[in-house]
PDB file of N, CA and C in Angstrom:
ATOM      1  N   MET A   1       4.906   5.864  38.081  1.00  0.00           N
ATOM      2  CA  MET A   1       5.477   4.606  37.635  1.00  0.00           C
ATOM      3  C   MET A   1       5.354   4.465  36.121  1.00  0.00           C
ATOM      4  N   ARG A   2       4.154   4.747  35.615  1.00  0.00           N
ATOM      5  CA  ARG A   2       3.921   4.627  34.182  1.00  0.00           C
ATOM      6  C   ARG A   2       4.730   5.660  33.399  1.00  0.00           C
ATOM      7  N   LYS A   3       4.820   6.869  33.939  1.00  0.00           N
ATOM      8  CA  LYS A   3       5.566   7.933  33.288  1.00  0.00           C
ATOM      9  C   LYS A   3       7.049   7.583  33.223  1.00  0.00           C
ATOM     10  N   LEU A   4       7.559   6.954  34.269  1.00  0.00           N
ATOM     11  CA  LEU A   4       8.961   6.541  34.306  1.00  0.00           C
ATOM     12  C   LEU A   4       9.231   5.488  33.230  1.00  0.00           C
ATOM     13  N   PHE A   5       8.318   4.545  33.075  1.00  0.00           N
ATOM     14  CA  PHE A   5       8.467   3.509  32.050  1.00  0.00           C
ATOM     15  C   PHE A   5       8.461   4.123  30.653  1.00  0.00           C
ATOM     16  N   LEU A   6       7.537   5.071  30.428  1.00  0.00           N
ATOM     17  CA  LEU A   6       7.441   5.726  29.131  1.00  0.00           C
ATOM     18  C   LEU A   6       8.709   6.523  28.825  1.00  0.00           C
ATOM     19  N   THR A   7       9.246   7.205  29.817  1.00  0.00           N
ATOM     20  CA  THR A   7      10.469   7.972  29.637  1.00  0.00           C
ATOM     21  C   THR A   7      11.637   7.063  29.287  1.00  0.00           C
ATOM     22  N   LYS A   8      11.740   5.936  29.951  1.00  0.00           N
ATOM     23  CA  LYS A   8      12.813   4.977  29.654  1.00  0.00           C
ATOM     24  C   LYS A   8      12.664   4.399  28.257  1.00  0.00           C
ATOM     25  N   ALA A   9      11.435   4.113  27.867  1.00  0.00           N
ATOM     26  CA  ALA A   9      11.194   3.552  26.538  1.00  0.00           C
ATOM     27  C   ALA A   9      11.563   4.566  25.455  1.00  0.00           C
ATOM     28  N   ILE A  10      11.224   5.830  25.675  1.00  0.00           N
ATOM     29  CA  ILE A  10      11.559   6.866  24.692  1.00  0.00           C
ATOM     30  C   ILE A  10      13.068   7.018  24.578  1.00  0.00           C
ATOM     31  N   LYS A  11      13.751   7.016  25.702  1.00  0.00           N
ATOM     32  CA  LYS A  11      15.209   7.124  25.666  1.00  0.00           C
ATOM     33  C   LYS A  11      15.838   5.912  24.977  1.00  0.00           C
ATOM     34  N   LYS A  12      15.292   4.747  25.213  1.00  0.00           N
ATOM     35  CA  LYS A  12      15.851   3.522  24.641  1.00  0.00           C
ATOM     36  C   LYS A  12      15.662   3.482  23.126  1.00  0.00           C
ATOM     37  N   TYR A  13      14.519   3.947  22.649  1.00  0.00           N
ATOM     38  CA  TYR A  13      14.196   3.854  21.222  1.00  0.00           C
ATOM     39  C   TYR A  13      14.201   5.219  20.529  1.00  0.00           C
ATOM     40  N   LYS A  14      14.955   6.177  21.053  1.00  0.00           N
ATOM     41  CA  LYS A  14      14.917   7.524  20.491  1.00  0.00           C
ATOM     42  C   LYS A  14      15.393   7.558  19.043  1.00  0.00           C
ATOM     43  N   ASP A  15      16.374   6.752  18.677  1.00  0.00           N
ATOM     44  CA  ASP A  15      16.836   6.726  17.288  1.00  0.00           C
ATOM     45  C   ASP A  15      15.752   6.180  16.357  1.00  0.00           C
ATOM     46  N   THR A  16      15.108   5.119  16.785  1.00  0.00           N
ATOM     47  CA  THR A  16      14.043   4.525  15.977  1.00  0.00           C
ATOM     48  C   THR A  16      12.874   5.493  15.836  1.00  0.00           C
ATOM     49  N   ILE A  17      12.503   6.145  16.918  1.00  0.00           N
ATOM     50  CA  ILE A  17      11.410   7.117  16.883  1.00  0.00           C
ATOM     51  C   ILE A  17      11.766   8.283  15.968  1.00  0.00           C
ATOM     52  N   PHE A  18      13.005   8.740  16.026  1.00  0.00           N
ATOM     53  CA  PHE A  18      13.442   9.847  15.176  1.00  0.00           C
ATOM     54  C   PHE A  18      13.378   9.466  13.698  1.00  0.00           C
ATOM     55  N   ILE A  19      13.895   8.299  13.357  1.00  0.00           N
ATOM     56  CA  ILE A  19      13.903   7.863  11.956  1.00  0.00           C
ATOM     57  C   ILE A  19      12.473   7.662  11.447  1.00  0.00           C
ATOM     58  N   ALA A  20      11.622   7.036  12.252  1.00  0.00           N
ATOM     59  CA  ALA A  20      10.230   6.827  11.843  1.00  0.00           C
ATOM     60  C   ALA A  20       9.506   8.159  11.667  1.00  0.00           C
ATOM     61  N   SER A  21       9.730   9.095  12.569  1.00  0.00           N
ATOM     62  CA  SER A  21       9.098  10.417  12.469  1.00  0.00           C
ATOM     63  C   SER A  21       9.587  11.170  11.234  1.00  0.00           C
ATOM     64  N   LEU A  22      10.882  11.103  10.990  1.00  0.00           N
ATOM     65  CA  LEU A  22      11.446  11.761   9.813  1.00  0.00           C
ATOM     66  C   LEU A  22      10.867  11.167   8.539  1.00  0.00           C
ATOM     67  N   TYR A  23      10.762   9.866   8.487  1.00  0.00           N
ATOM     68  CA  TYR A  23      10.184   9.199   7.321  1.00  0.00           C
ATOM     69  C   TYR A  23       8.732   9.634   7.108  1.00  0.00           C
ATOM     70  N   LEU A  24       7.931   9.608   8.172  1.00  0.00           N
ATOM     71  CA  LEU A  24       6.525   9.993   8.055  1.00  0.00           C
ATOM     72  C   LEU A  24       6.356  11.450   7.635  1.00  0.00           C
ATOM     73  N   LEU A  25       7.161  12.323   8.204  1.00  0.00           N
ATOM     74  CA  LEU A  25       7.049  13.741   7.870  1.00  0.00           C
ATOM     75  C   LEU A  25       7.404  14.017   6.415  1.00  0.00           C
ATOM     76  N   THR A  26       8.321  13.244   5.861  1.00  0.00           N
ATOM     77  CA  THR A  26       8.706  13.478   4.472  1.00  0.00           C
ATOM     78  C   THR A  26       7.810  12.742   3.486  1.00  0.00           C
ATOM     79  N   ARG A  27       7.115  11.696   3.905  1.00  0.00           N
ATOM     80  CA  ARG A  27       6.292  10.908   2.989  1.00  0.00           C
ATOM     81  C   ARG A  27       4.804  11.267   3.037  1.00  0.00           C
ATOM     82  N   LEU A  28       4.290  11.679   4.163  1.00  0.00           N
ATOM     83  CA  LEU A  28       2.856  11.960   4.292  1.00  0.00           C
ATOM     84  C   LEU A  28       2.327  13.000   3.303  1.00  0.00           C
ATOM     85  N   PRO A  29       3.048  14.088   3.046  1.00  0.00           N
ATOM     86  CA  PRO A  29       2.500  15.067   2.096  1.00  0.00           C
ATOM     87  C   PRO A  29       2.304  14.515   0.679  1.00  0.00           C
ATOM     88  N   PHE A  30       3.009  13.455   0.331  1.00  0.00           N
ATOM     89  CA  PHE A  30       2.939  12.926  -1.029  1.00  0.00           C
ATOM     90  C   PHE A  30       2.011  11.724  -1.170  1.00  0.00           C
ATOM     91  N   LEU A  31       1.327  11.338  -0.113  1.00  0.00           N
ATOM     92  CA  LEU A  31       0.412  10.213  -0.220  1.00  0.00           C
ATOM     93  C   LEU A  31      -0.741  10.578  -1.149  1.00  0.00           C
ATOM     94  N   GLY A  32      -1.138   9.634  -1.962  1.00  0.00           N
ATOM     95  CA  GLY A  32      -2.232   9.868  -2.889  1.00  0.00           C
ATOM     96  C   GLY A  32      -1.778  10.235  -4.282  1.00  0.00           C
ATOM     97  N   SER A  33      -0.532  10.645  -4.432  1.00  0.00           N
ATOM     98  CA  SER A  33      -0.046  10.929  -5.777  1.00  0.00           C
ATOM     99  C   SER A  33       0.675   9.688  -6.294  1.00  0.00           C
ATOM    100  N   ASP A  34       0.404   9.381  -7.523  1.00  0.00           N
ATOM    101  CA  ASP A  34       0.973   8.181  -8.124  1.00  0.00           C
ATOM    102  C   ASP A  34       2.401   8.446  -8.571  1.00  0.00           C
ATOM    103  N   ILE A  35       3.202   7.414  -8.526  1.00  0.00           N
ATOM    104  CA  ILE A  35       4.558   7.510  -9.030  1.00  0.00           C
ATOM    105  C   ILE A  35       4.475   7.563 -10.554  1.00  0.00           C
ATOM    106  N   ILE A  36       5.138   8.523 -11.117  1.00  0.00           N
ATOM    107  CA  ILE A  36       5.093   8.659 -12.576  1.00  0.00           C
ATOM    108  C   ILE A  36       6.250   7.881 -13.174  1.00  0.00           C
ATOM    109  N   ASN A  37       5.918   6.837 -13.866  1.00  0.00           N
ATOM    110  CA  ASN A  37       6.903   6.097 -14.641  1.00  0.00           C
ATOM    111  C   ASN A  37       6.209   5.539 -15.863  1.00  0.00           C
ATOM    112  N   ILE A  38       6.965   4.993 -16.750  1.00  0.00           N
ATOM    113  CA  ILE A  38       6.417   4.625 -18.053  1.00  0.00           C
ATOM    114  C   ILE A  38       5.419   3.474 -17.993  1.00  0.00           C
ATOM    115  N   ASP A  39       5.558   2.576 -17.032  1.00  0.00           N
ATOM    116  CA  ASP A  39       4.650   1.429 -17.010  1.00  0.00           C
ATOM    117  C   ASP A  39       3.635   1.453 -15.870  1.00  0.00           C
ATOM    118  N   ALA A  40       3.476   2.585 -15.197  1.00  0.00           N
ATOM    119  CA  ALA A  40       2.491   2.678 -14.111  1.00  0.00           C
ATOM    120  C   ALA A  40       1.066   2.407 -14.597  1.00  0.00           C
ATOM    121  N   PRO A  41       0.640   2.954 -15.737  1.00  0.00           N
ATOM    122  CA  PRO A  41      -0.725   2.634 -16.193  1.00  0.00           C
ATOM    123  C   PRO A  41      -0.929   1.139 -16.468  1.00  0.00           C
ATOM    124  N   ALA A  42       0.093   0.489 -16.991  1.00  0.00           N
ATOM    125  CA  ALA A  42      -0.018  -0.953 -17.257  1.00  0.00           C
ATOM    126  C   ALA A  42      -0.162  -1.735 -15.960  1.00  0.00           C
ATOM    127  N   TRP A  43       0.606  -1.362 -14.928  1.00  0.00           N
ATOM    128  CA  TRP A  43       0.517  -2.062 -13.651  1.00  0.00           C
ATOM    129  C   TRP A  43      -0.827  -1.819 -12.990  1.00  0.00           C
ATOM    130  N   ASN A  44      -1.332  -0.599 -13.075  1.00  0.00           N
ATOM    131  CA  ASN A  44      -2.649  -0.321 -12.497  1.00  0.00           C
ATOM    132  C   ASN A  44      -3.730  -1.129 -13.206  1.00  0.00           C
ATOM    133  N   TYR A  45      -3.645  -1.213 -14.529  1.00  0.00           N
ATOM    134  CA  TYR A  45      -4.604  -1.994 -15.311  1.00  0.00           C
ATOM    135  C   TYR A  45      -4.530  -3.474 -14.931  1.00  0.00           C
ATOM    136  N   ARG A  46      -3.320  -4.000 -14.839  1.00  0.00           N
ATOM    137  CA  ARG A  46      -3.150  -5.413 -14.470  1.00  0.00           C
ATOM    138  C   ARG A  46      -3.677  -5.681 -13.067  1.00  0.00           C
ATOM    139  N   ALA A  47      -3.415  -4.762 -12.141  1.00  0.00           N
ATOM    140  CA  ALA A  47      -3.860  -4.954 -10.761  1.00  0.00           C
ATOM    141  C   ALA A  47      -5.379  -4.980 -10.680  1.00  0.00           C
ATOM    142  N   LYS A  48      -6.039  -4.080 -11.399  1.00  0.00           N
ATOM    143  CA  LYS A  48      -7.510  -4.067 -11.399  1.00  0.00           C
ATOM    144  C   LYS A  48      -8.064  -5.357 -11.973  1.00  0.00           C
ATOM    145  N   ASN A  49      -7.508  -5.784 -13.102  1.00  0.00           N
ATOM    146  CA  ASN A  49      -7.976  -7.023 -13.719  1.00  0.00           C
ATOM    147  C   ASN A  49      -7.699  -8.228 -12.831  1.00  0.00           C
ATOM    148  N   PHE A  50      -6.534  -8.254 -12.216  1.00  0.00           N
ATOM    149  CA  PHE A  50      -6.148  -9.354 -11.349  1.00  0.00           C
ATOM    150  C   PHE A  50      -7.168  -9.525 -10.228  1.00  0.00           C
ATOM    151  N   TYR A  51      -7.527  -8.422  -9.584  1.00  0.00           N
ATOM    152  CA  TYR A  51      -8.467  -8.502  -8.474  1.00  0.00           C
ATOM    153  C   TYR A  51      -9.877  -8.821  -8.954  1.00  0.00           C
ATOM    154  N   THR A  52     -10.241  -8.322 -10.127  1.00  0.00           N
ATOM    155  CA  THR A  52     -11.550  -8.645 -10.711  1.00  0.00           C
ATOM    156  C   THR A  52     -11.658 -10.143 -10.961  1.00  0.00           C
ATOM    157  N   TYR A  53     -10.603 -10.722 -11.520  1.00  0.00           N
ATOM    158  CA  TYR A  53     -10.608 -12.172 -11.773  1.00  0.00           C
ATOM    159  C   TYR A  53     -10.657 -12.964 -10.470  1.00  0.00           C
ATOM    160  N   LEU A  54      -9.988 -12.469  -9.444  1.00  0.00           N
ATOM    161  CA  LEU A  54     -10.056 -13.147  -8.144  1.00  0.00           C
ATOM    162  C   LEU A  54     -11.477 -13.128  -7.595  1.00  0.00           C
ATOM    163  N   LYS A  55     -12.161 -11.989  -7.681  1.00  0.00           N
ATOM    164  CA  LYS A  55     -13.532 -11.894  -7.181  1.00  0.00           C
ATOM    165  C   LYS A  55     -14.480 -12.815  -7.949  1.00  0.00           C
ATOM    166  N   GLN A  56     -14.190 -13.012  -9.243  1.00  0.00           N
ATOM    167  CA  GLN A  56     -15.026 -13.883 -10.063  1.00  0.00           C
ATOM    168  C   GLN A  56     -14.602 -15.351  -9.979  1.00  0.00           C
ATOM    169  N   LEU A  57     -13.577 -15.627  -9.176  1.00  0.00           N
ATOM    170  CA  LEU A  57     -12.999 -16.975  -9.027  1.00  0.00           C
ATOM    171  C   LEU A  57     -12.516 -17.535 -10.369  1.00  0.00           C
ATOM    172  N   ASP A  58     -12.083 -16.663 -11.239  1.00  0.00           N
ATOM    173  CA  ASP A  58     -11.537 -17.042 -12.541  1.00  0.00           C
ATOM    174  C   ASP A  58     -10.008 -17.062 -12.424  1.00  0.00           C
ATOM    175  N   PHE A  59      -9.486 -18.102 -11.778  1.00  0.00           N
ATOM    176  CA  PHE A  59      -8.071 -18.163 -11.455  1.00  0.00           C
ATOM    177  C   PHE A  59      -7.174 -18.331 -12.672  1.00  0.00           C
ATOM    178  N   SER A  60      -7.700 -18.894 -13.748  1.00  0.00           N
ATOM    179  CA  SER A  60      -6.859 -19.087 -14.928  1.00  0.00           C
ATOM    180  C   SER A  60      -6.443 -17.762 -15.556  1.00  0.00           C
ATOM    181  N   ASN A  61      -7.272 -16.738 -15.437  1.00  0.00           N
ATOM    182  CA  ASN A  61      -6.908 -15.433 -15.997  1.00  0.00           C
ATOM    183  C   ASN A  61      -6.046 -14.593 -15.061  1.00  0.00           C
ATOM    184  N   THR A  62      -5.850 -15.032 -13.824  1.00  0.00           N
ATOM    185  CA  THR A  62      -4.977 -14.277 -12.935  1.00  0.00           C
ATOM    186  C   THR A  62      -3.516 -14.506 -13.278  1.00  0.00           C
ATOM    187  N   TYR A  63      -3.224 -15.583 -13.968  1.00  0.00           N
ATOM    188  CA  TYR A  63      -1.835 -15.880 -14.317  1.00  0.00           C
ATOM    189  C   TYR A  63      -1.415 -15.041 -15.513  1.00  0.00           C
ATOM    190  N   ARG A  64      -0.376 -14.280 -15.365  1.00  0.00           N
ATOM    191  CA  ARG A  64       0.179 -13.486 -16.464  1.00  0.00           C
ATOM    192  C   ARG A  64       1.471 -14.134 -16.946  1.00  0.00           C
ATOM    193  N   SER A  65       2.435 -14.179 -16.107  1.00  0.00           N
ATOM    194  CA  SER A  65       3.707 -14.850 -16.342  1.00  0.00           C
ATOM    195  C   SER A  65       4.435 -14.827 -15.008  1.00  0.00           C
ATOM    196  N   TYR A  66       5.463 -15.640 -14.905  1.00  0.00           N
ATOM    197  CA  TYR A  66       6.198 -15.623 -13.643  1.00  0.00           C
ATOM    198  C   TYR A  66       6.858 -14.266 -13.500  1.00  0.00           C
ATOM    199  N   HIS A  67       6.576 -13.621 -12.405  1.00  0.00           N
ATOM    200  CA  HIS A  67       7.128 -12.289 -12.179  1.00  0.00           C
ATOM    201  C   HIS A  67       7.006 -11.983 -10.695  1.00  0.00           C
ATOM    202  N   PRO A  68       8.021 -11.371 -10.112  1.00  0.00           N
ATOM    203  CA  PRO A  68       7.906 -11.024  -8.687  1.00  0.00           C
ATOM    204  C   PRO A  68       6.846  -9.960  -8.413  1.00  0.00           C
ATOM    205  N   GLY A  69       6.327  -9.337  -9.451  1.00  0.00           N
ATOM    206  CA  GLY A  69       5.314  -8.311  -9.264  1.00  0.00           C
ATOM    207  C   GLY A  69       3.933  -8.847  -8.959  1.00  0.00           C
ATOM    208  N   VAL A  70       3.773 -10.163  -8.884  1.00  0.00           N
ATOM    209  CA  VAL A  70       2.462 -10.734  -8.571  1.00  0.00           C
ATOM    210  C   VAL A  70       2.007 -10.280  -7.188  1.00  0.00           C
ATOM    211  N   THR A  71       2.920 -10.223  -6.243  1.00  0.00           N
ATOM    212  CA  THR A  71       2.574  -9.731  -4.906  1.00  0.00           C
ATOM    213  C   THR A  71       2.095  -8.288  -4.994  1.00  0.00           C
ATOM    214  N   LEU A  72       2.738  -7.511  -5.839  1.00  0.00           N
ATOM    215  CA  LEU A  72       2.322  -6.128  -6.043  1.00  0.00           C
ATOM    216  C   LEU A  72       0.915  -6.072  -6.617  1.00  0.00           C
ATOM    217  N   MET A  73       0.594  -6.975  -7.546  1.00  0.00           N
ATOM    218  CA  MET A  73      -0.755  -6.996  -8.108  1.00  0.00           C
ATOM    219  C   MET A  73      -1.781  -7.356  -7.049  1.00  0.00           C
ATOM    220  N   TRP A  74      -1.459  -8.284  -6.162  1.00  0.00           N
ATOM    221  CA  TRP A  74      -2.377  -8.635  -5.076  1.00  0.00           C
ATOM    222  C   TRP A  74      -2.635  -7.418  -4.208  1.00  0.00           C
ATOM    223  N   LEU A  75      -1.565  -6.780  -3.769  1.00  0.00           N
ATOM    224  CA  LEU A  75      -1.703  -5.665  -2.838  1.00  0.00           C
ATOM    225  C   LEU A  75      -2.337  -4.444  -3.479  1.00  0.00           C
ATOM    226  N   SER A  76      -1.872  -4.078  -4.669  1.00  0.00           N
ATOM    227  CA  SER A  76      -2.428  -2.886  -5.288  1.00  0.00           C
ATOM    228  C   SER A  76      -3.849  -3.133  -5.786  1.00  0.00           C
ATOM    229  N   GLY A  77      -4.143  -4.332  -6.237  1.00  0.00           N
ATOM    230  CA  GLY A  77      -5.517  -4.646  -6.646  1.00  0.00           C
ATOM    231  C   GLY A  77      -6.473  -4.550  -5.481  1.00  0.00           C
ATOM    232  N   PHE A  78      -6.051  -5.051  -4.322  1.00  0.00           N
ATOM    233  CA  PHE A  78      -6.871  -4.941  -3.122  1.00  0.00           C
ATOM    234  C   PHE A  78      -7.049  -3.478  -2.722  1.00  0.00           C
ATOM    235  N   GLY A  79      -5.971  -2.709  -2.804  1.00  0.00           N
ATOM    236  CA  GLY A  79      -6.045  -1.286  -2.454  1.00  0.00           C
ATOM    237  C   GLY A  79      -6.935  -0.503  -3.394  1.00  0.00           C
ATOM    238  N   ILE A  80      -6.831  -0.773  -4.686  1.00  0.00           N
ATOM    239  CA  ILE A  80      -7.658  -0.085  -5.675  1.00  0.00           C
ATOM    240  C   ILE A  80      -9.126  -0.431  -5.466  1.00  0.00           C
ATOM    241  N   GLU A  81      -9.407  -1.692  -5.219  1.00  0.00           N
ATOM    242  CA  GLU A  81     -10.793  -2.119  -4.992  1.00  0.00           C
ATOM    243  C   GLU A  81     -11.359  -1.491  -3.721  1.00  0.00           C
ATOM    244  N   THR A  82     -10.576  -1.475  -2.656  1.00  0.00           N
ATOM    245  CA  THR A  82     -11.019  -0.869  -1.400  1.00  0.00           C
ATOM    246  C   THR A  82     -11.301   0.615  -1.594  1.00  0.00           C
ATOM    247  N   TYR A  83     -10.401   1.299  -2.274  1.00  0.00           N
ATOM    248  CA  TYR A  83     -10.588   2.731  -2.530  1.00  0.00           C
ATOM    249  C   TYR A  83     -11.856   2.974  -3.345  1.00  0.00           C
ATOM    250  N   SER A  84     -12.078   2.171  -4.375  1.00  0.00           N
ATOM    251  CA  SER A  84     -13.262   2.400  -5.215  1.00  0.00           C
ATOM    252  C   SER A  84     -14.553   2.128  -4.452  1.00  0.00           C
ATOM    253  N   GLN A  85     -14.538   1.161  -3.538  1.00  0.00           N
ATOM    254  CA  GLN A  85     -15.725   0.898  -2.731  1.00  0.00           C
ATOM    255  C   GLN A  85     -15.992   2.027  -1.742  1.00  0.00           C
ATOM    256  N   ILE A  86     -14.945   2.544  -1.121  1.00  0.00           N
ATOM    257  CA  ILE A  86     -15.093   3.646  -0.166  1.00  0.00           C
ATOM    258  C   ILE A  86     -15.513   4.912  -0.898  1.00  0.00           C
ATOM    259  N   TYR A  87     -14.950   5.124  -2.080  1.00  0.00           N
ATOM    260  CA  TYR A  87     -15.245   6.321  -2.865  1.00  0.00           C
ATOM    261  C   TYR A  87     -16.729   6.420  -3.212  1.00  0.00           C
ATOM    262  N   LYS A  88     -17.381   5.285  -3.406  1.00  0.00           N
ATOM    263  CA  LYS A  88     -18.802   5.279  -3.744  1.00  0.00           C
ATOM    264  C   LYS A  88     -19.654   5.932  -2.652  1.00  0.00           C
ATOM    265  N   PHE A  89     -19.236   5.789  -1.384  1.00  0.00           N
ATOM    266  CA  PHE A  89     -19.996   6.366  -0.289  1.00  0.00           C
ATOM    267  C   PHE A  89     -19.881   7.882  -0.204  1.00  0.00           C
ATOM    268  N   PHE A  90     -18.790   8.425  -0.707  1.00  0.00           N
ATOM    269  CA  PHE A  90     -18.557   9.863  -0.586  1.00  0.00           C
ATOM    270  C   PHE A  90     -18.785  10.605  -1.902  1.00  0.00           C
ATOM    271  N   LYS A  91     -19.304   9.929  -2.890  1.00  0.00           N
ATOM    272  CA  LYS A  91     -19.528  10.530  -4.194  1.00  0.00           C
ATOM    273  C   LYS A  91     -20.732  11.427  -4.209  1.00  0.00           C
TER     274      LYS A  91
END
């Protein structure tokens, strides 16, 4: 019964599974390498500072200017901080 359900689900979503698998196979080898562009160091610096100010509850310094990249600073700052904390254990 369970195998029949799984087979039907695979047939129903075979296009989605194929596209997701293709995406993962082409993107996984490049994880961990930074995108090289002219302002990547500036964004990394801003993201680190942004998250540092959040941890210190210094909200006035988190404001840079209106920019849609604020969400990027939240996410990348959190990712950079998480990575640096995990890295300390394996150093």
